């Protein structure tokens, strides 16, 4: 069993799931246009409307992945 700072216990699988959730949250939801290579490539060339459409799709896909994890 793996314990966090609060003493909550995790199996290795649960710990891996949490790590993946954190990585996806940072890379996709928070700053995909800054931390993702493709995001950095397209960010200067898209309109605000296109950015919002991408954000919406990223959130939908993330939510699907989150249900799996």
PDB file of N, CA and C in Angstrom:
ATOM      1  N   UNK A   1       0.832  -1.186   0.000  1.00  0.00           N
ATOM      2  CA  UNK A   1       0.000   0.000   0.000  1.00  0.00           C
ATOM      3  C   UNK A   1       0.877   1.249   0.000  1.00  0.00           C
ATOM      4  N   UNK A   2       0.440   2.228  -0.713  1.00  0.00           N
ATOM      5  CA  UNK A   2       1.145   3.493  -0.825  1.00  0.00           C
ATOM      6  C   UNK A   2       0.320   4.533  -0.076  1.00  0.00           C
ATOM      7  N   UNK A   3       0.984   5.346   0.741  1.00  0.00           N
ATOM      8  CA  UNK A   3       0.286   6.373   1.509  1.00  0.00           C
ATOM      9  C   UNK A   3       0.678   7.752   1.015  1.00  0.00           C
ATOM     10  N   UNK A   4      -0.307   8.675   0.975  1.00  0.00           N
ATOM     11  CA  UNK A   4       0.001  10.055   0.644  1.00  0.00           C
ATOM     12  C   UNK A   4       0.261  10.824   1.932  1.00  0.00           C
ATOM     13  N   UNK A   5       0.408  12.138   1.819  1.00  0.00           N
ATOM     14  CA  UNK A   5       0.730  12.967   2.988  1.00  0.00           C
ATOM     15  C   UNK A   5      -0.356  12.926   4.055  1.00  0.00           C
ATOM     16  N   UNK A   6      -1.615  12.725   3.620  1.00  0.00           N
ATOM     17  CA  UNK A   6      -2.729  12.693   4.559  1.00  0.00           C
ATOM     18  C   UNK A   6      -2.977  11.308   5.135  1.00  0.00           C
ATOM     19  N   UNK A   7      -2.170  10.335   4.726  1.00  0.00           N
ATOM     20  CA  UNK A   7      -2.335   8.977   5.216  1.00  0.00           C
ATOM     21  C   UNK A   7      -3.312   8.144   4.410  1.00  0.00           C
ATOM     22  N   UNK A   8      -3.858   8.700   3.343  1.00  0.00           N
ATOM     23  CA  UNK A   8      -4.769   7.945   2.493  1.00  0.00           C
ATOM     24  C   UNK A   8      -3.976   6.875   1.760  1.00  0.00           C
ATOM     25  N   UNK A   9      -4.536   5.669   1.714  1.00  0.00           N
ATOM     26  CA  UNK A   9      -3.835   4.547   1.114  1.00  0.00           C
ATOM     27  C   UNK A   9      -4.265   4.335  -0.334  1.00  0.00           C
ATOM     28  N   UNK A  10      -3.295   3.968  -1.171  1.00  0.00           N
ATOM     29  CA  UNK A  10      -3.516   3.699  -2.585  1.00  0.00           C
ATOM     30  C   UNK A  10      -2.854   2.386  -2.968  1.00  0.00           C
ATOM     31  N   UNK A  11      -3.492   1.662  -3.848  1.00  0.00           N
ATOM     32  CA  UNK A  11      -2.827   0.525  -4.469  1.00  0.00           C
ATOM     33  C   UNK A  11      -1.908   1.094  -5.542  1.00  0.00           C
ATOM     34  N   UNK A  12      -0.960   0.306  -6.044  1.00  0.00           N
ATOM     35  CA  UNK A  12      -0.128   0.813  -7.131  1.00  0.00           C
ATOM     36  C   UNK A  12      -0.957   1.247  -8.347  1.00  0.00           C
ATOM     37  N   UNK A  13      -2.029   0.524  -8.661  1.00  0.00           N
ATOM     38  CA  UNK A  13      -2.880   0.896  -9.792  1.00  0.00           C
ATOM     39  C   UNK A  13      -3.562   2.234  -9.524  1.00  0.00           C
ATOM     40  N   UNK A  14      -4.084   2.437  -8.329  1.00  0.00           N
ATOM     41  CA  UNK A  14      -4.738   3.701  -7.990  1.00  0.00           C
ATOM     42  C   UNK A  14      -3.743   4.858  -8.047  1.00  0.00           C
ATOM     43  N   UNK A  15      -2.526   4.621  -7.564  1.00  0.00           N
ATOM     44  CA  UNK A  15      -1.491   5.661  -7.603  1.00  0.00           C
ATOM     45  C   UNK A  15      -1.171   6.023  -9.053  1.00  0.00           C
ATOM     46  N   UNK A  16      -1.054   5.018  -9.921  1.00  0.00           N
ATOM     47  CA  UNK A  16      -0.782   5.275 -11.337  1.00  0.00           C
ATOM     48  C   UNK A  16      -1.931   6.054 -11.968  1.00  0.00           C
ATOM     49  N   UNK A  17      -3.162   5.712 -11.623  1.00  0.00           N
ATOM     50  CA  UNK A  17      -4.319   6.431 -12.154  1.00  0.00           C
ATOM     51  C   UNK A  17      -4.289   7.897 -11.730  1.00  0.00           C
ATOM     52  N   UNK A  18      -3.958   8.159 -10.495  1.00  0.00           N
ATOM     53  CA  UNK A  18      -3.880   9.538 -10.010  1.00  0.00           C
ATOM     54  C   UNK A  18      -2.779  10.316 -10.728  1.00  0.00           C
ATOM     55  N   UNK A  19      -1.639   9.669 -10.949  1.00  0.00           N
ATOM     56  CA  UNK A  19      -0.554  10.319 -11.678  1.00  0.00           C
ATOM     57  C   UNK A  19      -0.977  10.682 -13.099  1.00  0.00           C
ATOM     58  N   UNK A  20      -1.677   9.771 -13.752  1.00  0.00           N
ATOM     59  CA  UNK A  20      -2.135  10.018 -15.118  1.00  0.00           C
ATOM     60  C   UNK A  20      -3.177  11.133 -15.135  1.00  0.00           C
ATOM     61  N   UNK A  21      -4.095  11.124 -14.174  1.00  0.00           N
ATOM     62  CA  UNK A  21      -5.086  12.196 -14.094  1.00  0.00           C
ATOM     63  C   UNK A  21      -4.415  13.555 -13.929  1.00  0.00           C
ATOM     64  N   UNK A  22      -3.426  13.630 -13.032  1.00  0.00           N
ATOM     65  CA  UNK A  22      -2.723  14.894 -12.809  1.00  0.00           C
ATOM     66  C   UNK A  22      -1.992  15.353 -14.071  1.00  0.00           C
ATOM     67  N   UNK A  23      -1.327  14.419 -14.741  1.00  0.00           N
ATOM     68  CA  UNK A  23      -0.596  14.770 -15.959  1.00  0.00           C
ATOM     69  C   UNK A  23      -1.550  15.247 -17.044  1.00  0.00           C
ATOM     70  N   UNK A  24      -2.668  14.565 -17.212  1.00  0.00           N
ATOM     71  CA  UNK A  24      -3.646  14.964 -18.218  1.00  0.00           C
ATOM     72  C   UNK A  24      -4.260  16.313 -17.884  1.00  0.00           C
ATOM     73  N   UNK A  25      -4.545  16.529 -16.625  1.00  0.00           N
ATOM     74  CA  UNK A  25      -5.127  17.800 -16.213  1.00  0.00           C
ATOM     75  C   UNK A  25      -4.182  18.944 -16.536  1.00  0.00           C
ATOM     76  N   UNK A  26      -2.938  18.784 -16.197  1.00  0.00           N
ATOM     77  CA  UNK A  26      -1.959  19.839 -16.452  1.00  0.00           C
ATOM     78  C   UNK A  26      -1.753  20.056 -17.948  1.00  0.00           C
ATOM     79  N   UNK A  27      -1.558  18.968 -18.676  1.00  0.00           N
ATOM     80  CA  UNK A  27      -1.214  19.084 -20.095  1.00  0.00           C
ATOM     81  C   UNK A  27      -2.396  19.436 -20.970  1.00  0.00           C
ATOM     82  N   UNK A  28      -3.588  19.020 -20.605  1.00  0.00           N
ATOM     83  CA  UNK A  28      -4.742  19.224 -21.470  1.00  0.00           C
ATOM     84  C   UNK A  28      -5.649  20.352 -21.005  1.00  0.00           C
ATOM     85  N   UNK A  29      -6.064  20.298 -19.778  1.00  0.00           N
ATOM     86  CA  UNK A  29      -7.079  21.236 -19.328  1.00  0.00           C
ATOM     87  C   UNK A  29      -6.508  22.594 -18.958  1.00  0.00           C
ATOM     88  N   UNK A  30      -5.390  22.599 -18.305  1.00  0.00           N
ATOM     89  CA  UNK A  30      -4.881  23.857 -17.778  1.00  0.00           C
ATOM     90  C   UNK A  30      -4.191  24.715 -18.833  1.00  0.00           C
ATOM     91  N   UNK A  31      -3.212  24.140 -19.533  1.00  0.00           N
ATOM     92  CA  UNK A  31      -2.423  24.968 -20.449  1.00  0.00           C
ATOM     93  C   UNK A  31      -1.978  24.184 -21.669  1.00  0.00           C
ATOM     94  N   UNK A  32      -2.917  23.615 -22.396  1.00  0.00           N
ATOM     95  CA  UNK A  32      -2.548  22.810 -23.565  1.00  0.00           C
ATOM     96  C   UNK A  32      -1.809  23.632 -24.606  1.00  0.00           C
ATOM     97  N   UNK A  33      -2.081  24.918 -24.664  1.00  0.00           N
ATOM     98  CA  UNK A  33      -1.441  25.761 -25.670  1.00  0.00           C
ATOM     99  C   UNK A  33      -0.015  26.155 -25.297  1.00  0.00           C
ATOM    100  N   UNK A  34       0.391  25.881 -24.057  1.00  0.00           N
ATOM    101  CA  UNK A  34       1.740  26.222 -23.610  1.00  0.00           C
ATOM    102  C   UNK A  34       2.609  24.999 -23.362  1.00  0.00           C
ATOM    103  N   UNK A  35       1.993  23.910 -22.899  1.00  0.00           N
ATOM    104  CA  UNK A  35       2.775  22.753 -22.466  1.00  0.00           C
ATOM    105  C   UNK A  35       2.773  21.592 -23.450  1.00  0.00           C
ATOM    106  N   UNK A  36       2.026  21.699 -24.509  1.00  0.00           N
ATOM    107  CA  UNK A  36       1.911  20.623 -25.469  1.00  0.00           C
ATOM    108  C   UNK A  36       2.562  21.078 -26.767  1.00  0.00           C
ATOM    109  N   UNK A  37       3.422  20.244 -27.343  1.00  0.00           N
ATOM    110  CA  UNK A  37       4.137  20.623 -28.561  1.00  0.00           C
ATOM    111  C   UNK A  37       3.199  21.038 -29.686  1.00  0.00           C
ATOM    112  N   UNK A  38       2.176  20.225 -29.945  1.00  0.00           N
ATOM    113  CA  UNK A  38       1.218  20.556 -30.997  1.00  0.00           C
ATOM    114  C   UNK A  38       0.430  21.801 -30.625  1.00  0.00           C
ATOM    115  N   UNK A  39       0.069  21.909 -29.357  1.00  0.00           N
ATOM    116  CA  UNK A  39      -0.655  23.089 -28.901  1.00  0.00           C
ATOM    117  C   UNK A  39       0.142  24.365 -29.103  1.00  0.00           C
ATOM    118  N   UNK A  40       1.438  24.307 -28.805  1.00  0.00           N
ATOM    119  CA  UNK A  40       2.306  25.466 -29.013  1.00  0.00           C
ATOM    120  C   UNK A  40       2.403  25.813 -30.493  1.00  0.00           C
ATOM    121  N   UNK A  41       2.369  24.791 -31.327  1.00  0.00           N
ATOM    122  CA  UNK A  41       2.501  24.997 -32.767  1.00  0.00           C
ATOM    123  C   UNK A  41       1.282  25.707 -33.357  1.00  0.00           C
ATOM    124  N   UNK A  42       0.084  25.320 -32.892  1.00  0.00           N
ATOM    125  CA  UNK A  42      -1.128  25.892 -33.492  1.00  0.00           C
ATOM    126  C   UNK A  42      -1.632  27.144 -32.789  1.00  0.00           C
ATOM    127  N   UNK A  43      -1.279  27.322 -31.525  1.00  0.00           N
ATOM    128  CA  UNK A  43      -1.822  28.425 -30.733  1.00  0.00           C
ATOM    129  C   UNK A  43      -1.685  29.805 -31.390  1.00  0.00           C
ATOM    130  N   UNK A  44      -0.552  30.130 -31.980  1.00  0.00           N
ATOM    131  CA  UNK A  44      -0.445  31.472 -32.570  1.00  0.00           C
ATOM    132  C   UNK A  44      -1.301  31.680 -33.823  1.00  0.00           C
ATOM    133  N   UNK A  45      -1.806  30.600 -34.386  1.00  0.00           N
ATOM    134  CA  UNK A  45      -2.485  30.689 -35.677  1.00  0.00           C
ATOM    135  C   UNK A  45      -3.988  30.462 -35.605  1.00  0.00           C
ATOM    136  N   UNK A  46      -4.544  30.313 -34.421  1.00  0.00           N
ATOM    137  CA  UNK A  46      -5.975  30.034 -34.310  1.00  0.00           C
ATOM    138  C   UNK A  46      -6.715  31.240 -33.745  1.00  0.00           C
ATOM    139  N   UNK A  47      -7.981  31.309 -34.079  1.00  0.00           N
ATOM    140  CA  UNK A  47      -8.818  32.393 -33.569  1.00  0.00           C
ATOM    141  C   UNK A  47      -9.312  32.042 -32.169  1.00  0.00           C
ATOM    142  N   UNK A  48      -9.876  33.020 -31.494  1.00  0.00           N
ATOM    143  CA  UNK A  48     -10.435  32.774 -30.155  1.00  0.00           C
ATOM    144  C   UNK A  48     -11.569  31.750 -30.236  1.00  0.00           C
ATOM    145  N   UNK A  49     -12.367  31.819 -31.287  1.00  0.00           N
ATOM    146  CA  UNK A  49     -13.459  30.857 -31.471  1.00  0.00           C
ATOM    147  C   UNK A  49     -12.902  29.430 -31.645  1.00  0.00           C
ATOM    148  N   UNK A  50     -11.853  29.294 -32.442  1.00  0.00           N
ATOM    149  CA  UNK A  50     -11.238  27.972 -32.633  1.00  0.00           C
ATOM    150  C   UNK A  50     -10.638  27.460 -31.326  1.00  0.00           C
ATOM    151  N   UNK A  51     -10.032  28.364 -30.554  1.00  0.00           N
ATOM    152  CA  UNK A  51      -9.474  27.977 -29.251  1.00  0.00           C
ATOM    153  C   UNK A  51     -10.583  27.451 -28.331  1.00  0.00           C
ATOM    154  N   UNK A  52     -11.732  28.113 -28.331  1.00  0.00           N
ATOM    155  CA  UNK A  52     -12.851  27.679 -27.496  1.00  0.00           C
ATOM    156  C   UNK A  52     -13.380  26.322 -27.957  1.00  0.00           C
ATOM    157  N   UNK A  53     -13.465  26.123 -29.254  1.00  0.00           N
ATOM    158  CA  UNK A  53     -13.925  24.840 -29.786  1.00  0.00           C
ATOM    159  C   UNK A  53     -12.962  23.710 -29.402  1.00  0.00           C
ATOM    160  N   UNK A  54     -11.671  23.998 -29.474  1.00  0.00           N
ATOM    161  CA  UNK A  54     -10.681  22.998 -29.059  1.00  0.00           C
ATOM    162  C   UNK A  54     -10.811  22.730 -27.574  1.00  0.00           C
ATOM    163  N   UNK A  55     -10.928  23.782 -26.762  1.00  0.00           N
ATOM    164  CA  UNK A  55     -11.104  23.612 -25.318  1.00  0.00           C
ATOM    165  C   UNK A  55     -12.305  22.725 -25.004  1.00  0.00           C
ATOM    166  N   UNK A  56     -13.414  22.973 -25.686  1.00  0.00           N
ATOM    167  CA  UNK A  56     -14.618  22.173 -25.459  1.00  0.00           C
ATOM    168  C   UNK A  56     -14.365  20.698 -25.756  1.00  0.00           C
ATOM    169  N   UNK A  57     -13.694  20.421 -26.866  1.00  0.00           N
ATOM    170  CA  UNK A  57     -13.422  19.032 -27.230  1.00  0.00           C
ATOM    171  C   UNK A  57     -12.428  18.384 -26.269  1.00  0.00           C
ATOM    172  N   UNK A  58     -11.431  19.142 -25.842  1.00  0.00           N
ATOM    173  CA  UNK A  58     -10.463  18.616 -24.875  1.00  0.00           C
ATOM    174  C   UNK A  58     -11.179  18.224 -23.590  1.00  0.00           C
ATOM    175  N   UNK A  59     -12.099  19.057 -23.132  1.00  0.00           N
ATOM    176  CA  UNK A  59     -12.844  18.756 -21.908  1.00  0.00           C
ATOM    177  C   UNK A  59     -13.717  17.524 -22.077  1.00  0.00           C
ATOM    178  N   UNK A  60     -14.351  17.377 -23.220  1.00  0.00           N
ATOM    179  CA  UNK A  60     -15.188  16.199 -23.461  1.00  0.00           C
ATOM    180  C   UNK A  60     -14.358  14.919 -23.459  1.00  0.00           C
ATOM    181  N   UNK A  61     -13.230  14.965 -24.144  1.00  0.00           N
ATOM    182  CA  UNK A  61     -12.368  13.779 -24.201  1.00  0.00           C
ATOM    183  C   UNK A  61     -11.779  13.484 -22.826  1.00  0.00           C
ATOM    184  N   UNK A  62     -11.365  14.526 -22.112  1.00  0.00           N
ATOM    185  CA  UNK A  62     -10.829  14.334 -20.760  1.00  0.00           C
ATOM    186  C   UNK A  62     -11.868  13.696 -19.848  1.00  0.00           C
ATOM    187  N   UNK A  63     -13.101  14.144 -19.925  1.00  0.00           N
ATOM    188  CA  UNK A  63     -14.165  13.580 -19.091  1.00  0.00           C
ATOM    189  C   UNK A  63     -14.362  12.099 -19.376  1.00  0.00           C
ATOM    190  N   UNK A  64     -14.288  11.718 -20.652  1.00  0.00           N
ATOM    191  CA  UNK A  64     -14.380  10.284 -21.005  1.00  0.00           C
ATOM    192  C   UNK A  64     -13.236   9.494 -20.403  1.00  0.00           C
ATOM    193  N   UNK A  65     -12.037  10.038 -20.516  1.00  0.00           N
ATOM    194  CA  UNK A  65     -10.868   9.356 -19.946  1.00  0.00           C
ATOM    195  C   UNK A  65     -10.953   9.284 -18.431  1.00  0.00           C
ATOM    196  N   UNK A  66     -11.441  10.344 -17.808  1.00  0.00           N
ATOM    197  CA  UNK A  66     -11.565  10.381 -16.346  1.00  0.00           C
ATOM    198  C   UNK A  66     -12.527   9.302 -15.853  1.00  0.00           C
ATOM    199  N   UNK A  67     -13.588   9.054 -16.591  1.00  0.00           N
ATOM    200  CA  UNK A  67     -14.512   7.990 -16.188  1.00  0.00           C
ATOM    201  C   UNK A  67     -13.826   6.631 -16.248  1.00  0.00           C
ATOM    202  N   UNK A  68     -12.943   6.449 -17.204  1.00  0.00           N
ATOM    203  CA  UNK A  68     -12.204   5.201 -17.321  1.00  0.00           C
ATOM    204  C   UNK A  68     -11.244   5.030 -16.158  1.00  0.00           C
ATOM    205  N   UNK A  69     -10.592   6.117 -15.771  1.00  0.00           N
ATOM    206  CA  UNK A  69      -9.606   6.054 -14.706  1.00  0.00           C
ATOM    207  C   UNK A  69     -10.288   6.069 -13.367  1.00  0.00           C
TER     208      UNK A  69
END
